[in-house]
Amino acid sequence: MAVVRLRAPLSELAGGRRELRVEGATVREVLRALEREHPAIAGWILDERVSIREHVNVFVNGEKSREETELAADDRIHVIPSISGG
């Protein structure tokens, strides 16, 4: 299982949990499973085409990754939404 790390506000949508263990062979599969386990997160990371939203960055073991990135057991996935302000 991959370890998914979420930052606010995404962690709040996952019941306040910042770190979750999620099953999946690719980043897309893990993120879809995350949406099924925590429905409030649906639409915030993946868009309607099941692609990572433009304003969200996903890193696997410190490297920027995409939906098709394959995962090994105990990979660490960080989901980081962009921050804007003015």
Protein backbone atom coordinates (compact mmCIF):
# COMPACT_ATOMS: atom_id res chain seq x y z
CA MET A 1 0.00 0.00 0.00
CA ALA A 2 1.14 3.49 -0.80
CA VAL A 3 1.29 6.18 1.86
CA VAL A 4 -0.57 9.32 0.80
CA ARG A 5 0.26 12.60 2.53
CA LEU A 6 -2.31 15.38 2.29
CA ARG A 7 -1.93 19.02 3.19
CA ALA A 8 -4.71 21.36 4.23
CA PRO A 9 -7.39 21.86 3.02
CA LEU A 10 -7.35 18.35 1.51
CA SER A 11 -6.55 16.70 4.85
CA GLU A 12 -9.65 18.36 6.31
CA LEU A 13 -11.76 16.73 3.57
CA ALA A 14 -10.28 13.36 4.58
CA GLY A 15 -11.54 13.66 8.14
CA GLY A 16 -8.50 15.54 9.40
CA ARG A 17 -6.12 12.76 8.42
CA ARG A 18 -2.83 13.92 6.95
CA GLU A 19 -1.44 10.48 6.16
CA LEU A 20 -3.39 7.53 4.75
CA ARG A 21 -2.46 4.09 3.43
CA VAL A 22 -4.19 3.43 0.11
CA GLU A 23 -4.09 0.47 -2.26
CA GLY A 24 -3.33 0.94 -5.97
CA ALA A 25 -0.84 0.10 -8.72
CA THR A 26 -0.71 3.62 -10.20
CA VAL A 27 -1.16 7.16 -8.93
CA ARG A 28 -4.57 7.28 -10.66
CA GLU A 29 -5.72 4.07 -8.92
CA VAL A 30 -4.59 5.35 -5.52
CA LEU A 31 -6.30 8.71 -5.99
CA ARG A 32 -9.54 7.03 -7.16
CA ALA A 33 -9.44 4.75 -4.09
CA LEU A 34 -8.85 7.81 -1.92
CA GLU A 35 -11.98 9.41 -3.41
CA ARG A 36 -14.01 6.27 -2.71
CA GLU A 37 -12.81 6.12 0.91
CA HIS A 38 -13.28 9.87 1.46
CA PRO A 39 -16.03 11.12 -0.91
CA ALA A 40 -15.62 14.75 0.22
CA ILE A 41 -12.27 14.81 -1.58
CA ALA A 42 -13.81 13.82 -4.94
CA GLY A 43 -13.25 16.50 -7.57
CA TRP A 44 -10.52 18.31 -5.66
CA ILE A 45 -7.55 16.28 -6.96
CA LEU A 46 -8.87 14.54 -10.08
CA ASP A 47 -11.02 16.24 -12.69
CA GLU A 48 -13.92 14.76 -14.68
CA ARG A 49 -11.44 13.08 -17.09
CA VAL A 50 -9.76 11.40 -14.09
CA SER A 51 -6.66 13.56 -14.63
CA ILE A 52 -4.80 15.42 -11.92
CA ARG A 53 -6.09 18.98 -11.80
CA GLU A 54 -3.79 21.66 -13.16
CA HIS A 55 -3.48 23.40 -9.78
CA VAL A 56 -2.53 20.22 -7.90
CA ASN A 57 0.97 18.74 -7.73
CA VAL A 58 1.56 15.07 -6.98
CA PHE A 59 4.98 13.76 -6.00
CA VAL A 60 5.99 10.11 -5.61
CA ASN A 61 9.06 9.68 -3.43
CA GLY A 62 9.95 13.33 -4.03
CA GLU A 63 9.57 13.29 -7.84
CA LYS A 64 6.77 15.08 -9.69
CA SER A 65 4.45 12.43 -11.07
CA ARG A 66 1.38 11.97 -13.26
CA GLU A 67 -1.64 9.68 -13.20
CA GLU A 68 0.06 6.79 -15.00
CA THR A 69 3.06 6.66 -12.65
CA GLU A 70 3.42 3.10 -11.40
CA LEU A 71 3.79 2.50 -7.70
CA ALA A 72 5.66 0.02 -5.55
CA ALA A 73 4.74 -1.05 -2.05
CA ASP A 74 5.47 1.67 0.51
CA ASP A 75 5.89 4.47 -2.05
CA ARG A 76 5.13 7.86 -0.55
CA ILE A 77 2.75 10.13 -2.43
CA HIS A 78 2.46 13.81 -1.52
CA VAL A 79 -0.57 15.71 -2.84
CA ILE A 80 0.02 19.45 -2.74
CA PRO A 81 -2.61 21.94 -3.91
CA SER A 82 -1.30 25.22 -5.29
CA ILE A 83 -1.63 28.24 -3.05
CA SER A 84 -2.66 31.58 -4.48
CA GLY A 85 -3.11 34.94 -2.96
CA GLY A 86 -2.67 38.53 -3.60
